[in-house]
């Protein structure tokens, strides 16, 4: 009798995504955008940052360690897409987005693809 060795290779089916917009006229830097379940770690897969600011800097990083996931140096409608960012935070460590020098009322859009690991 034949044995079925088929294995699911749909990696995206096991990954999660968080996406939102930050309005810097109502939020204060830094903003926590992703927190793992208790006792878990965030293991990133990709990071996307965009802003309508014409100047300044936006940084996505792990909150405790400060490990940088991505940096956006702003110009008009700037964005950075990092497709293969595989970095793992510490247990219970959140991801935050911080900014400096942005235009008044600037918006930041982000997408982070990740897995939670033990």
N, C-alpha and C. Protein backbone atom coordinates (compact mmCIF):
# COMPACT_ATOMS: atom_id res chain seq x y z
N UNK A 1 0.85 -1.17 0.00
CA UNK A 1 0.00 0.00 0.00
C UNK A 1 0.90 1.24 0.00
N UNK A 2 0.64 2.21 -0.90
CA UNK A 2 1.46 3.42 -0.96
C UNK A 2 1.24 4.29 0.27
N UNK A 3 2.30 4.97 0.66
CA UNK A 3 2.25 5.88 1.80
C UNK A 3 2.24 7.30 1.26
N UNK A 4 1.37 8.14 1.81
CA UNK A 4 1.28 9.53 1.37
C UNK A 4 2.25 10.39 2.17
N UNK A 5 3.28 10.89 1.49
CA UNK A 5 4.27 11.74 2.15
C UNK A 5 4.03 13.21 1.83
N UNK A 6 2.83 13.57 1.48
CA UNK A 6 2.51 14.95 1.14
C UNK A 6 2.62 15.81 2.39
N UNK A 7 3.28 16.93 2.25
CA UNK A 7 3.46 17.85 3.37
C UNK A 7 2.97 19.24 2.94
N UNK A 8 2.24 19.89 3.80
CA UNK A 8 1.78 21.24 3.51
C UNK A 8 2.96 22.20 3.53
N UNK A 9 3.12 22.94 2.46
CA UNK A 9 4.22 23.89 2.37
C UNK A 9 3.71 25.33 2.28
N UNK A 10 2.47 25.54 2.68
CA UNK A 10 1.89 26.87 2.65
C UNK A 10 2.31 27.64 3.90
N UNK A 11 3.49 28.24 3.83
CA UNK A 11 4.04 28.97 4.98
C UNK A 11 3.13 30.12 5.40
N UNK A 12 2.51 30.78 4.44
CA UNK A 12 1.67 31.92 4.77
C UNK A 12 0.46 31.53 5.62
N UNK A 13 0.04 30.28 5.52
CA UNK A 13 -1.12 29.83 6.30
C UNK A 13 -0.82 29.81 7.80
N UNK A 14 0.44 29.77 8.18
CA UNK A 14 0.81 29.72 9.59
C UNK A 14 1.32 31.06 10.11
N UNK A 15 1.34 32.07 9.25
CA UNK A 15 1.84 33.39 9.64
C UNK A 15 0.69 34.34 9.92
N UNK A 16 0.96 35.33 10.75
CA UNK A 16 -0.02 36.35 11.11
C UNK A 16 0.44 37.69 10.58
N UNK A 17 -0.48 38.63 10.48
CA UNK A 17 -0.16 39.96 9.99
C UNK A 17 -0.85 41.00 10.85
N UNK A 18 -0.12 42.07 11.14
CA UNK A 18 -0.72 43.23 11.79
C UNK A 18 -0.46 44.42 10.86
N UNK A 19 -1.50 45.23 10.66
CA UNK A 19 -1.39 46.39 9.78
C UNK A 19 -2.29 47.50 10.31
N UNK A 20 -1.80 48.72 10.25
CA UNK A 20 -2.60 49.85 10.72
C UNK A 20 -1.91 51.14 10.31
N UNK A 21 -2.57 52.24 10.61
CA UNK A 21 -2.02 53.57 10.35
C UNK A 21 -1.89 54.31 11.67
N UNK A 22 -0.79 55.01 11.83
CA UNK A 22 -0.56 55.85 13.01
C UNK A 22 -0.70 57.30 12.58
N UNK A 23 -1.55 58.04 13.27
CA UNK A 23 -1.71 59.47 13.05
C UNK A 23 -0.85 60.19 14.08
N UNK A 24 0.25 60.78 13.64
CA UNK A 24 1.19 61.38 14.59
C UNK A 24 0.65 62.67 15.22
N UNK A 25 -0.49 63.15 14.73
CA UNK A 25 -1.09 64.33 15.37
C UNK A 25 -1.85 63.93 16.64
N UNK A 26 -2.18 62.63 16.78
CA UNK A 26 -2.91 62.18 17.97
C UNK A 26 -2.14 61.14 18.79
N UNK A 27 -1.07 60.59 18.26
CA UNK A 27 -0.27 59.58 18.95
C UNK A 27 1.08 60.17 19.33
N UNK A 28 1.69 59.61 20.36
CA UNK A 28 3.01 60.02 20.82
C UNK A 28 3.99 58.88 20.61
N UNK A 29 5.15 59.20 20.09
CA UNK A 29 6.19 58.20 19.85
C UNK A 29 6.79 57.73 21.18
N UNK A 30 7.05 56.44 21.34
CA UNK A 30 6.78 55.31 20.44
C UNK A 30 5.38 54.74 20.67
N UNK A 31 4.89 53.99 19.67
CA UNK A 31 3.61 53.31 19.75
C UNK A 31 3.85 51.81 19.67
N UNK A 32 3.30 51.06 20.63
CA UNK A 32 3.38 49.61 20.59
C UNK A 32 2.37 49.10 19.57
N UNK A 33 2.85 48.35 18.58
CA UNK A 33 1.97 47.90 17.49
C UNK A 33 1.73 46.40 17.50
N UNK A 34 2.53 45.65 18.28
CA UNK A 34 2.39 44.20 18.30
C UNK A 34 2.92 43.65 19.61
N UNK A 35 2.11 42.88 20.32
CA UNK A 35 2.50 42.26 21.58
C UNK A 35 2.23 40.77 21.49
N UNK A 36 3.23 39.92 21.81
CA UNK A 36 3.01 38.48 21.73
C UNK A 36 2.12 37.98 22.86
N UNK A 37 1.55 36.81 22.66
CA UNK A 37 0.82 36.14 23.74
C UNK A 37 1.80 35.88 24.87
N UNK A 38 1.30 35.81 26.10
CA UNK A 38 2.15 35.62 27.27
C UNK A 38 3.05 34.39 27.11
N UNK A 39 4.35 34.58 27.37
CA UNK A 39 5.32 33.50 27.27
C UNK A 39 5.83 33.21 25.87
N UNK A 40 5.39 33.98 24.88
CA UNK A 40 5.77 33.76 23.48
C UNK A 40 6.72 34.85 22.99
N UNK A 41 7.32 34.59 21.80
CA UNK A 41 8.20 35.54 21.13
C UNK A 41 7.62 35.89 19.77
N UNK A 42 7.89 37.09 19.30
CA UNK A 42 7.55 37.51 17.95
C UNK A 42 8.73 37.15 17.05
N UNK A 43 8.44 36.42 15.98
CA UNK A 43 9.44 36.03 14.98
C UNK A 43 9.00 36.66 13.67
N UNK A 44 9.62 37.76 13.27
CA UNK A 44 9.17 38.51 12.10
C UNK A 44 9.52 37.80 10.80
N UNK A 45 8.70 38.09 9.78
CA UNK A 45 8.92 37.57 8.43
C UNK A 45 9.12 38.70 7.42
N UNK A 46 8.39 39.80 7.61
CA UNK A 46 8.56 40.97 6.73
C UNK A 46 8.03 42.21 7.44
N UNK A 47 8.53 43.36 7.00
CA UNK A 47 8.14 44.65 7.57
C UNK A 47 7.94 45.63 6.41
N UNK A 48 6.85 46.39 6.47
CA UNK A 48 6.59 47.43 5.48
C UNK A 48 6.28 48.71 6.25
N UNK A 49 6.95 49.79 5.92
CA UNK A 49 6.72 51.11 6.53
C UNK A 49 6.51 52.13 5.42
N UNK A 50 5.55 53.02 5.61
CA UNK A 50 5.30 54.09 4.66
C UNK A 50 4.85 55.33 5.43
N UNK A 51 5.15 56.50 4.87
CA UNK A 51 4.72 57.75 5.50
C UNK A 51 4.49 58.80 4.42
N UNK A 52 3.60 59.75 4.73
CA UNK A 52 3.38 60.87 3.82
C UNK A 52 4.24 62.08 4.21
N UNK A 53 5.12 61.91 5.19
CA UNK A 53 5.99 63.00 5.64
C UNK A 53 7.09 63.26 4.61
N UNK A 54 7.53 64.51 4.51
CA UNK A 54 8.61 64.86 3.59
C UNK A 54 9.96 64.90 4.28
N UNK A 55 9.97 64.65 5.59
CA UNK A 55 11.24 64.63 6.33
C UNK A 55 11.07 63.78 7.58
N UNK A 56 12.20 63.44 8.19
CA UNK A 56 12.17 62.69 9.43
C UNK A 56 12.51 61.23 9.25
N UNK A 57 12.35 60.48 10.34
CA UNK A 57 12.73 59.07 10.36
C UNK A 57 11.70 58.28 11.15
N UNK A 58 11.38 57.08 10.65
CA UNK A 58 10.46 56.14 11.30
C UNK A 58 11.22 54.85 11.53
N UNK A 59 11.13 54.28 12.74
CA UNK A 59 11.85 53.06 13.08
C UNK A 59 10.89 52.04 13.68
N UNK A 60 10.93 50.82 13.15
CA UNK A 60 10.23 49.69 13.76
C UNK A 60 11.28 48.87 14.49
N UNK A 61 11.02 48.55 15.77
CA UNK A 61 12.03 47.84 16.56
C UNK A 61 11.36 47.04 17.67
N UNK A 62 12.13 46.10 18.23
CA UNK A 62 11.68 45.41 19.43
C UNK A 62 11.85 46.37 20.60
N UNK A 63 10.87 46.42 21.49
CA UNK A 63 10.81 47.42 22.55
C UNK A 63 11.90 47.29 23.61
N UNK A 64 12.20 46.08 24.07
CA UNK A 64 13.17 45.90 25.16
C UNK A 64 14.60 45.92 24.66
N UNK A 65 14.89 45.14 23.64
CA UNK A 65 16.26 44.99 23.15
C UNK A 65 16.68 46.14 22.25
N UNK A 66 15.70 46.82 21.63
CA UNK A 66 16.01 47.88 20.68
C UNK A 66 16.42 47.36 19.32
N UNK A 67 16.36 46.05 19.10
CA UNK A 67 16.74 45.47 17.81
C UNK A 67 15.86 46.07 16.72
N UNK A 68 16.50 46.65 15.71
CA UNK A 68 15.81 47.35 14.64
C UNK A 68 15.28 46.36 13.61
N UNK A 69 14.00 46.51 13.26
CA UNK A 69 13.38 45.69 12.22
C UNK A 69 13.37 46.40 10.88
N UNK A 70 13.28 47.72 10.91
CA UNK A 70 13.28 48.50 9.68
C UNK A 70 13.32 49.98 9.98
N UNK A 71 13.91 50.75 9.05
CA UNK A 71 14.02 52.20 9.19
C UNK A 71 13.54 52.84 7.89
N UNK A 72 12.74 53.89 8.02
CA UNK A 72 12.28 54.66 6.87
C UNK A 72 12.80 56.08 7.02
N UNK A 73 13.60 56.52 6.05
CA UNK A 73 14.06 57.91 6.00
C UNK A 73 13.11 58.62 5.04
N UNK A 74 12.31 59.52 5.59
CA UNK A 74 11.16 60.05 4.85
C UNK A 74 11.52 61.06 3.78
N UNK A 75 10.79 60.98 2.69
CA UNK A 75 10.69 62.00 1.65
C UNK A 75 9.23 61.91 1.20
N UNK A 76 8.79 62.67 0.28
CA UNK A 76 7.37 62.68 -0.07
C UNK A 76 6.89 61.28 -0.42
N UNK A 77 5.90 60.77 0.33
CA UNK A 77 5.31 59.45 0.16
C UNK A 77 6.36 58.35 0.11
N UNK A 78 7.26 58.37 1.07
CA UNK A 78 8.33 57.38 1.15
C UNK A 78 7.82 56.07 1.72
N UNK A 79 8.46 54.97 1.31
CA UNK A 79 8.13 53.67 1.87
C UNK A 79 9.35 52.78 1.79
N UNK A 80 9.38 51.78 2.68
CA UNK A 80 10.42 50.76 2.63
C UNK A 80 9.73 49.41 2.84
N UNK A 81 10.06 48.46 1.97
CA UNK A 81 9.49 47.12 2.06
C UNK A 81 10.64 46.14 2.26
N UNK A 82 10.63 45.45 3.38
CA UNK A 82 11.68 44.50 3.72
C UNK A 82 11.03 43.12 3.76
N UNK A 83 11.18 42.37 2.66
CA UNK A 83 10.47 41.11 2.50
C UNK A 83 11.02 39.95 3.31
N UNK A 84 12.28 39.98 3.65
CA UNK A 84 12.89 38.83 4.32
C UNK A 84 13.53 39.21 5.65
N UNK A 85 12.76 39.86 6.49
CA UNK A 85 13.26 40.25 7.80
C UNK A 85 12.87 39.17 8.80
N UNK A 86 13.79 38.27 9.10
CA UNK A 86 13.51 37.18 10.04
C UNK A 86 14.32 37.44 11.30
N UNK A 87 13.71 38.19 12.21
CA UNK A 87 14.34 38.52 13.48
C UNK A 87 13.39 38.09 14.59
N UNK A 88 13.96 37.58 15.68
CA UNK A 88 13.15 37.09 16.79
C UNK A 88 13.40 37.92 18.04
N UNK A 89 12.32 38.38 18.64
CA UNK A 89 12.43 39.15 19.87
C UNK A 89 12.56 38.25 21.08
N UNK A 90 12.70 38.87 22.22
CA UNK A 90 12.78 38.15 23.48
C UNK A 90 11.38 37.71 23.90
N UNK A 91 11.30 36.79 24.84
CA UNK A 91 10.01 36.34 25.36
C UNK A 91 9.23 37.55 25.91
N UNK A 92 7.99 37.66 25.51
CA UNK A 92 7.07 38.74 25.91
C UNK A 92 7.50 40.13 25.43
N UNK A 93 8.38 40.21 24.44
CA UNK A 93 8.85 41.51 23.93
C UNK A 93 7.96 42.00 22.79
N UNK A 94 7.46 43.21 22.92
CA UNK A 94 6.58 43.79 21.91
C UNK A 94 7.39 44.48 20.82
N UNK A 95 6.68 44.84 19.74
CA UNK A 95 7.25 45.60 18.64
C UNK A 95 6.67 47.00 18.73
N UNK A 96 7.52 48.00 18.54
CA UNK A 96 7.07 49.38 18.59
C UNK A 96 7.52 50.13 17.35
N UNK A 97 6.81 51.21 17.06
CA UNK A 97 7.21 52.13 15.99
C UNK A 97 7.43 53.49 16.63
N UNK A 98 8.59 54.06 16.34
CA UNK A 98 8.93 55.38 16.86
C UNK A 98 9.28 56.29 15.70
N UNK A 99 9.26 57.59 15.95
CA UNK A 99 9.55 58.55 14.89
C UNK A 99 10.13 59.83 15.45
N UNK A 100 10.88 60.52 14.61
CA UNK A 100 11.43 61.84 14.94
C UNK A 100 11.43 62.70 13.68
N UNK A 101 11.21 63.99 13.87
CA UNK A 101 11.35 64.96 12.79
C UNK A 101 10.34 64.88 11.67
N UNK A 102 9.19 64.25 11.90
CA UNK A 102 8.18 64.15 10.85
C UNK A 102 7.42 65.47 10.70
N UNK A 103 6.82 65.65 9.53
CA UNK A 103 5.96 66.81 9.30
C UNK A 103 4.79 66.78 10.29
N UNK A 104 4.28 67.93 10.65
CA UNK A 104 3.13 68.02 11.55
C UNK A 104 1.94 67.27 10.96
N UNK A 105 1.35 66.40 11.76
CA UNK A 105 0.19 65.65 11.32
C UNK A 105 0.48 64.50 10.37
N UNK A 106 1.74 64.11 10.25
CA UNK A 106 2.11 63.04 9.33
C UNK A 106 1.45 61.72 9.72
N UNK A 107 1.25 60.88 8.73
CA UNK A 107 0.70 59.55 8.94
C UNK A 107 1.79 58.52 8.65
N UNK A 108 1.74 57.40 9.39
CA UNK A 108 2.65 56.27 9.18
C UNK A 108 1.78 55.05 8.97
N UNK A 109 2.03 54.31 7.91
CA UNK A 109 1.33 53.05 7.67
C UNK A 109 2.34 51.93 7.80
N UNK A 110 1.94 50.84 8.47
CA UNK A 110 2.85 49.71 8.66
C UNK A 110 2.14 48.39 8.46
N UNK A 111 2.90 47.39 8.01
CA UNK A 111 2.45 46.01 7.93
C UNK A 111 3.61 45.16 8.43
N UNK A 112 3.32 44.28 9.37
CA UNK A 112 4.34 43.36 9.90
C UNK A 112 3.79 41.94 9.79
N UNK A 113 4.52 41.07 9.10
CA UNK A 113 4.16 39.66 9.00
C UNK A 113 5.04 38.90 9.99
N UNK A 114 4.45 37.98 10.76
CA UNK A 114 5.19 37.34 11.84
C UNK A 114 4.59 36.00 12.23
N UNK A 115 5.32 35.28 13.07
CA UNK A 115 4.84 34.08 13.75
C UNK A 115 5.09 34.29 15.23
N UNK A 116 4.31 33.62 16.06
CA UNK A 116 4.60 33.56 17.49
C UNK A 116 5.28 32.24 17.76
N UNK A 117 6.38 32.28 18.51
CA UNK A 117 7.13 31.06 18.83
C UNK A 117 7.32 30.94 20.34
N UNK A 118 7.64 29.75 20.77
CA UNK A 118 7.84 29.50 22.20
C UNK A 118 9.20 30.01 22.66
